[in-house]
Structures are given as structure tokens and as C-alpha cells.
All heavy atoms as atom14 arrays in JSON, in Angstrom:
{
  "sequence": "GSWASRGYDCSGAVSFALHGAGLLQTPLDSTS",
  "atom14_mask": [
    [1, 1, 1, 1, 0, 0, 0, 0, 0, 0, 0, 0, 0, 0],
    [1, 1, 1, 1, 1, 1, 0, 0, 0, 0, 0, 0, 0, 0],
    [1, 1, 1, 1, 1, 1, 1, 1, 1, 1, 1, 1, 1, 1],
    [1, 1, 1, 1, 1, 0, 0, 0, 0, 0, 0, 0, 0, 0],
    [1, 1, 1, 1, 1, 1, 0, 0, 0, 0, 0, 0, 0, 0],
    [1, 1, 1, 1, 1, 1, 1, 1, 1, 1, 1, 0, 0, 0],
    [1, 1, 1, 1, 0, 0, 0, 0, 0, 0, 0, 0, 0, 0],
    [1, 1, 1, 1, 1, 1, 1, 1, 1, 1, 1, 1, 0, 0],
    [1, 1, 1, 1, 1, 1, 1, 1, 0, 0, 0, 0, 0, 0],
    [1, 1, 1, 1, 1, 1, 0, 0, 0, 0, 0, 0, 0, 0],
    [1, 1, 1, 1, 1, 1, 0, 0, 0, 0, 0, 0, 0, 0],
    [1, 1, 1, 1, 0, 0, 0, 0, 0, 0, 0, 0, 0, 0],
    [1, 1, 1, 1, 1, 0, 0, 0, 0, 0, 0, 0, 0, 0],
    [1, 1, 1, 1, 1, 1, 1, 0, 0, 0, 0, 0, 0, 0],
    [1, 1, 1, 1, 1, 1, 0, 0, 0, 0, 0, 0, 0, 0],
    [1, 1, 1, 1, 1, 1, 1, 1, 1, 1, 1, 0, 0, 0],
    [1, 1, 1, 1, 1, 0, 0, 0, 0, 0, 0, 0, 0, 0],
    [1, 1, 1, 1, 1, 1, 1, 1, 0, 0, 0, 0, 0, 0],
    [1, 1, 1, 1, 1, 1, 1, 1, 1, 1, 0, 0, 0, 0],
    [1, 1, 1, 1, 0, 0, 0, 0, 0, 0, 0, 0, 0, 0],
    [1, 1, 1, 1, 1, 0, 0, 0, 0, 0, 0, 0, 0, 0],
    [1, 1, 1, 1, 0, 0, 0, 0, 0, 0, 0, 0, 0, 0],
    [1, 1, 1, 1, 1, 1, 1, 1, 0, 0, 0, 0, 0, 0],
    [1, 1, 1, 1, 1, 1, 1, 1, 0, 0, 0, 0, 0, 0],
    [1, 1, 1, 1, 1, 1, 1, 1, 1, 0, 0, 0, 0, 0],
    [1, 1, 1, 1, 1, 1, 1, 0, 0, 0, 0, 0, 0, 0],
    [1, 1, 1, 1, 1, 1, 1, 0, 0, 0, 0, 0, 0, 0],
    [1, 1, 1, 1, 1, 1, 1, 1, 0, 0, 0, 0, 0, 0],
    [1, 1, 1, 1, 1, 1, 1, 1, 0, 0, 0, 0, 0, 0],
    [1, 1, 1, 1, 1, 1, 0, 0, 0, 0, 0, 0, 0, 0],
    [1, 1, 1, 1, 1, 1, 1, 0, 0, 0, 0, 0, 0, 0],
    [1, 1, 1, 1, 1, 1, 0, 0, 0, 0, 0, 0, 0, 0]
  ],
  "atom14_positions": [
    [[-18.66, 54.65, 11.96], [-19.4, 54.78, 10.61], [-20.58, 53.88, 10.71], [-21.57, 54.12, 9.93], [0.0, 0.0, 0.0], [0.0, 0.0, 0.0], [0.0, 0.0, 0.0], [0.0, 0.0, 0.0], [0.0, 0.0, 0.0], [0.0, 0.0, 0.0], [0.0, 0.0, 0.0], [0.0, 0.0, 0.0], [0.0, 0.0, 0.0], [0.0, 0.0, 0.0]],
    [[-20.43, 52.79, 11.33], [-21.57, 51.65, 11.44], [-21.36, 50.9, 12.67], [-20.25, 50.71, 13.09], [-21.39, 50.74, 10.2], [-22.17, 49.64, 10.22], [0.0, 0.0, 0.0], [0.0, 0.0, 0.0], [0.0, 0.0, 0.0], [0.0, 0.0, 0.0], [0.0, 0.0, 0.0], [0.0, 0.0, 0.0], [0.0, 0.0, 0.0], [0.0, 0.0, 0.0]],
    [[-22.45, 50.4, 13.19], [-22.31, 49.54, 14.35], [-21.65, 48.13, 14.05], [-20.86, 47.64, 14.91], [-23.77, 49.26, 14.96], [-24.4, 50.43, 15.59], [-25.57, 51.06, 15.17], [-23.93, 51.27, 16.7], [-25.91, 52.11, 15.92], [-24.87, 52.27, 16.91], [-22.81, 51.19, 17.47], [-24.77, 53.19, 17.85], [-22.67, 52.11, 18.41], [-23.56, 53.16, 18.66]],
    [[-21.81, 47.75, 12.8], [-21.1, 46.57, 12.33], [-19.79, 46.94, 11.68], [-19.78, 47.52, 10.6], [-21.98, 45.8, 11.3], [0.0, 0.0, 0.0], [0.0, 0.0, 0.0], [0.0, 0.0, 0.0], [0.0, 0.0, 0.0], [0.0, 0.0, 0.0], [0.0, 0.0, 0.0], [0.0, 0.0, 0.0], [0.0, 0.0, 0.0], [0.0, 0.0, 0.0]],
    [[-18.66, 46.68, 12.33], [-17.35, 47.06, 11.9], [-16.44, 45.91, 12.04], [-16.55, 45.08, 12.92], [-16.89, 48.29, 12.71], [-15.7, 48.73, 12.35], [0.0, 0.0, 0.0], [0.0, 0.0, 0.0], [0.0, 0.0, 0.0], [0.0, 0.0, 0.0], [0.0, 0.0, 0.0], [0.0, 0.0, 0.0], [0.0, 0.0, 0.0], [0.0, 0.0, 0.0]],
    [[-15.31, 45.91, 11.22], [-14.34, 44.91, 11.28], [-13.58, 44.98, 12.61], [-13.06, 44.01, 13.13], [-13.34, 45.08, 10.2], [-13.19, 43.9, 9.17], [-12.19, 44.23, 8.09], [-11.76, 45.52, 7.97], [-10.45, 45.86, 8.23], [-9.62, 44.95, 8.71], [-10.12, 47.05, 7.96], [0.0, 0.0, 0.0], [0.0, 0.0, 0.0], [0.0, 0.0, 0.0]],
    [[-13.44, 46.21, 13.2], [-12.71, 46.48, 14.38], [-13.3, 47.82, 14.99], [-14.12, 48.42, 14.37], [0.0, 0.0, 0.0], [0.0, 0.0, 0.0], [0.0, 0.0, 0.0], [0.0, 0.0, 0.0], [0.0, 0.0, 0.0], [0.0, 0.0, 0.0], [0.0, 0.0, 0.0], [0.0, 0.0, 0.0], [0.0, 0.0, 0.0], [0.0, 0.0, 0.0]],
    [[-12.86, 48.09, 16.29], [-13.46, 49.18, 16.95], [-12.32, 50.0, 17.58], [-11.3, 49.38, 18.12], [-14.48, 48.77, 18.04], [-15.65, 48.07, 17.41], [-15.66, 46.78, 16.97], [-16.82, 48.84, 17.28], [-16.71, 46.2, 16.29], [-17.95, 48.24, 16.53], [-17.87, 47.01, 16.23], [-18.94, 46.49, 15.55], [0.0, 0.0, 0.0], [0.0, 0.0, 0.0]],
    [[-12.49, 51.2, 17.78], [-11.57, 52.03, 18.54], [-12.19, 52.14, 19.97], [-13.28, 51.56, 20.23], [-11.24, 53.3, 17.92], [-12.4, 54.31, 17.85], [-13.42, 54.15, 18.5], [-12.16, 55.37, 17.24], [0.0, 0.0, 0.0], [0.0, 0.0, 0.0], [0.0, 0.0, 0.0], [0.0, 0.0, 0.0], [0.0, 0.0, 0.0], [0.0, 0.0, 0.0]],
    [[-11.52, 52.79, 20.86], [-12.02, 52.77, 22.24], [-13.44, 53.39, 22.37], [-14.17, 52.75, 22.97], [-11.0, 53.8, 23.12], [-10.77, 55.41, 22.53], [0.0, 0.0, 0.0], [0.0, 0.0, 0.0], [0.0, 0.0, 0.0], [0.0, 0.0, 0.0], [0.0, 0.0, 0.0], [0.0, 0.0, 0.0], [0.0, 0.0, 0.0], [0.0, 0.0, 0.0]],
    [[-13.68, 54.59, 21.86], [-15.03, 55.09, 21.97], [-16.09, 54.35, 21.18], [-17.27, 54.26, 21.53], [-14.98, 56.6, 21.64], [-14.47, 56.85, 20.32], [0.0, 0.0, 0.0], [0.0, 0.0, 0.0], [0.0, 0.0, 0.0], [0.0, 0.0, 0.0], [0.0, 0.0, 0.0], [0.0, 0.0, 0.0], [0.0, 0.0, 0.0], [0.0, 0.0, 0.0]],
    [[-15.59, 53.85, 20.02], [-16.47, 52.94, 19.23], [-17.04, 51.73, 20.06], [-18.08, 51.36, 20.02], [0.0, 0.0, 0.0], [0.0, 0.0, 0.0], [0.0, 0.0, 0.0], [0.0, 0.0, 0.0], [0.0, 0.0, 0.0], [0.0, 0.0, 0.0], [0.0, 0.0, 0.0], [0.0, 0.0, 0.0], [0.0, 0.0, 0.0], [0.0, 0.0, 0.0]],
    [[-16.0, 51.15, 20.77], [-16.34, 49.88, 21.6], [-17.28, 50.28, 22.71], [-18.31, 49.53, 23.05], [-15.18, 49.24, 22.07], [0.0, 0.0, 0.0], [0.0, 0.0, 0.0], [0.0, 0.0, 0.0], [0.0, 0.0, 0.0], [0.0, 0.0, 0.0], [0.0, 0.0, 0.0], [0.0, 0.0, 0.0], [0.0, 0.0, 0.0], [0.0, 0.0, 0.0]],
    [[-17.03, 51.4, 23.36], [-17.96, 51.83, 24.56], [-19.28, 52.22, 23.96], [-20.18, 51.73, 24.54], [-17.24, 53.04, 25.28], [-18.14, 53.53, 26.34], [-15.97, 52.53, 26.05], [0.0, 0.0, 0.0], [0.0, 0.0, 0.0], [0.0, 0.0, 0.0], [0.0, 0.0, 0.0], [0.0, 0.0, 0.0], [0.0, 0.0, 0.0], [0.0, 0.0, 0.0]],
    [[-19.23, 52.91, 22.91], [-20.48, 53.25, 22.3], [-21.37, 51.99, 21.83], [-22.53, 51.93, 22.15], [-20.32, 54.07, 20.95], [-19.79, 55.35, 21.33], [0.0, 0.0, 0.0], [0.0, 0.0, 0.0], [0.0, 0.0, 0.0], [0.0, 0.0, 0.0], [0.0, 0.0, 0.0], [0.0, 0.0, 0.0], [0.0, 0.0, 0.0], [0.0, 0.0, 0.0]],
    [[-20.68, 50.89, 21.43], [-21.29, 49.74, 21.0], [-22.02, 49.2, 22.21], [-23.19, 48.61, 22.09], [-20.31, 48.78, 20.35], [-20.98, 47.59, 19.65], [-21.3, 47.61, 18.43], [-21.25, 46.48, 20.46], [-21.99, 46.47, 17.87], [-21.84, 45.26, 19.87], [-22.14, 45.39, 18.52], [0.0, 0.0, 0.0], [0.0, 0.0, 0.0], [0.0, 0.0, 0.0]],
    [[-21.28, 48.98, 23.3], [-21.92, 48.41, 24.5], [-23.11, 49.32, 24.95], [-24.23, 48.68, 25.31], [-20.89, 48.35, 25.69], [0.0, 0.0, 0.0], [0.0, 0.0, 0.0], [0.0, 0.0, 0.0], [0.0, 0.0, 0.0], [0.0, 0.0, 0.0], [0.0, 0.0, 0.0], [0.0, 0.0, 0.0], [0.0, 0.0, 0.0], [0.0, 0.0, 0.0]],
    [[-22.98, 50.57, 24.99], [-24.11, 51.44, 25.36], [-25.24, 51.39, 24.33], [-26.36, 51.34, 24.89], [-23.64, 52.87, 25.52], [-22.59, 53.16, 26.57], [-22.02, 54.61, 26.46], [-23.17, 52.9, 28.1], [0.0, 0.0, 0.0], [0.0, 0.0, 0.0], [0.0, 0.0, 0.0], [0.0, 0.0, 0.0], [0.0, 0.0, 0.0], [0.0, 0.0, 0.0]],
    [[-25.0, 51.25, 23.16], [-26.08, 51.13, 22.14], [-26.74, 49.72, 22.34], [-28.09, 49.66, 22.33], [-25.48, 51.12, 20.79], [-26.47, 50.84, 19.73], [-27.54, 51.74, 19.4], [-26.64, 49.72, 18.85], [-28.21, 51.2, 18.43], [-27.69, 50.06, 18.03], [0.0, 0.0, 0.0], [0.0, 0.0, 0.0], [0.0, 0.0, 0.0], [0.0, 0.0, 0.0]],
    [[-25.99, 48.58, 22.68], [-26.64, 47.33, 22.9], [-27.53, 47.38, 24.15], [-28.54, 46.68, 24.26], [0.0, 0.0, 0.0], [0.0, 0.0, 0.0], [0.0, 0.0, 0.0], [0.0, 0.0, 0.0], [0.0, 0.0, 0.0], [0.0, 0.0, 0.0], [0.0, 0.0, 0.0], [0.0, 0.0, 0.0], [0.0, 0.0, 0.0], [0.0, 0.0, 0.0]],
    [[-27.24, 48.28, 25.08], [-28.08, 48.5, 26.24], [-29.29, 49.39, 26.01], [-30.2, 49.62, 26.82], [-27.26, 49.07, 27.38], [0.0, 0.0, 0.0], [0.0, 0.0, 0.0], [0.0, 0.0, 0.0], [0.0, 0.0, 0.0], [0.0, 0.0, 0.0], [0.0, 0.0, 0.0], [0.0, 0.0, 0.0], [0.0, 0.0, 0.0], [0.0, 0.0, 0.0]],
    [[-29.4, 49.99, 24.82], [-30.45, 50.89, 24.45], [-30.19, 52.26, 25.12], [-31.09, 53.0, 25.1], [0.0, 0.0, 0.0], [0.0, 0.0, 0.0], [0.0, 0.0, 0.0], [0.0, 0.0, 0.0], [0.0, 0.0, 0.0], [0.0, 0.0, 0.0], [0.0, 0.0, 0.0], [0.0, 0.0, 0.0], [0.0, 0.0, 0.0], [0.0, 0.0, 0.0]],
    [[-29.02, 52.59, 25.42], [-28.64, 53.91, 26.09], [-28.06, 54.94, 25.15], [-27.93, 56.01, 25.47], [-27.68, 53.61, 27.2], [-28.22, 52.7, 28.3], [-27.17, 52.39, 29.32], [-29.5, 53.26, 28.96], [0.0, 0.0, 0.0], [0.0, 0.0, 0.0], [0.0, 0.0, 0.0], [0.0, 0.0, 0.0], [0.0, 0.0, 0.0], [0.0, 0.0, 0.0]],
    [[-27.73, 54.47, 23.9], [-27.12, 55.38, 22.94], [-27.57, 54.96, 21.57], [-27.55, 53.93, 21.18], [-25.59, 55.21, 23.1], [-24.69, 56.16, 22.42], [-24.84, 57.54, 23.11], [-23.28, 55.74, 22.65], [0.0, 0.0, 0.0], [0.0, 0.0, 0.0], [0.0, 0.0, 0.0], [0.0, 0.0, 0.0], [0.0, 0.0, 0.0], [0.0, 0.0, 0.0]],
    [[-27.95, 56.02, 20.78], [-28.51, 55.87, 19.36], [-27.42, 56.04, 18.36], [-27.49, 55.33, 17.32], [-29.65, 56.88, 19.07], [-30.87, 56.55, 19.98], [-31.27, 55.12, 19.97], [-31.5, 54.6, 18.98], [-31.47, 54.58, 21.07], [0.0, 0.0, 0.0], [0.0, 0.0, 0.0], [0.0, 0.0, 0.0], [0.0, 0.0, 0.0], [0.0, 0.0, 0.0]],
    [[-26.42, 56.88, 18.58], [-25.32, 57.04, 17.61], [-24.01, 56.94, 18.38], [-23.92, 57.42, 19.6], [-25.53, 58.37, 16.86], [-25.44, 59.5, 17.78], [-26.7, 58.47, 15.96], [0.0, 0.0, 0.0], [0.0, 0.0, 0.0], [0.0, 0.0, 0.0], [0.0, 0.0, 0.0], [0.0, 0.0, 0.0], [0.0, 0.0, 0.0], [0.0, 0.0, 0.0]],
    [[-22.97, 56.65, 17.76], [-21.62, 56.52, 18.49], [-21.18, 57.84, 18.79], [-21.33, 58.79, 18.17], [-20.65, 55.95, 17.3], [-21.65, 55.3, 16.36], [-22.82, 56.02, 16.42], [0.0, 0.0, 0.0], [0.0, 0.0, 0.0], [0.0, 0.0, 0.0], [0.0, 0.0, 0.0], [0.0, 0.0, 0.0], [0.0, 0.0, 0.0], [0.0, 0.0, 0.0]],
    [[-20.39, 57.89, 19.95], [-19.86, 59.1, 20.46], [-18.27, 58.98, 20.32], [-17.71, 57.85, 20.61], [-20.21, 59.43, 21.81], [-21.72, 59.69, 22.09], [-21.94, 59.83, 23.6], [-22.2, 60.9, 21.35], [0.0, 0.0, 0.0], [0.0, 0.0, 0.0], [0.0, 0.0, 0.0], [0.0, 0.0, 0.0], [0.0, 0.0, 0.0], [0.0, 0.0, 0.0]],
    [[-17.53, 60.05, 20.17], [-16.13, 59.88, 20.26], [-15.82, 60.22, 21.76], [-16.68, 60.54, 22.49], [-15.4, 60.89, 19.39], [-15.73, 62.4, 19.58], [-16.12, 62.75, 20.63], [-15.53, 63.19, 18.65], [0.0, 0.0, 0.0], [0.0, 0.0, 0.0], [0.0, 0.0, 0.0], [0.0, 0.0, 0.0], [0.0, 0.0, 0.0], [0.0, 0.0, 0.0]],
    [[-14.4, 60.01, 22.07], [-14.15, 60.04, 23.6], [-14.37, 61.52, 24.04], [-14.8, 61.7, 25.25], [-12.73, 59.61, 23.73], [-11.78, 60.5, 23.13], [0.0, 0.0, 0.0], [0.0, 0.0, 0.0], [0.0, 0.0, 0.0], [0.0, 0.0, 0.0], [0.0, 0.0, 0.0], [0.0, 0.0, 0.0], [0.0, 0.0, 0.0], [0.0, 0.0, 0.0]],
    [[-14.19, 62.59, 23.22], [-14.42, 63.94, 23.7], [-15.89, 64.16, 24.08], [-16.23, 64.74, 24.96], [-13.88, 65.04, 22.77], [-12.49, 64.7, 22.48], [-14.13, 66.38, 23.12], [0.0, 0.0, 0.0], [0.0, 0.0, 0.0], [0.0, 0.0, 0.0], [0.0, 0.0, 0.0], [0.0, 0.0, 0.0], [0.0, 0.0, 0.0], [0.0, 0.0, 0.0]],
    [[-16.79, 63.68, 23.22], [-18.19, 63.76, 23.49], [-18.57, 63.14, 24.76], [-19.63, 63.38, 25.36], [-18.98, 63.27, 22.24], [-18.71, 64.12, 21.01], [0.0, 0.0, 0.0], [0.0, 0.0, 0.0], [0.0, 0.0, 0.0], [0.0, 0.0, 0.0], [0.0, 0.0, 0.0], [0.0, 0.0, 0.0], [0.0, 0.0, 0.0], [0.0, 0.0, 0.0]]
  ]
}
């Protein structure tokens, strides 16, 4: 729901790292 979160699930954490690298603009779920 937001890059700033109290906690992260698996795909949220991977998405956060990819976003930090400039490789992803919005979070993806594991299926995506």
C-alpha cells in the first residue's frame, strides 16, 4: 500500500529493494 510500512511481506520486501535500485515503480506481488 505504501513504500513506508511498519512491516513487509515477501514480495513487498523484494519490491522495496528493487524500488530502491530504481528498477520498480510500484510493488509487485509474488505472482506478478
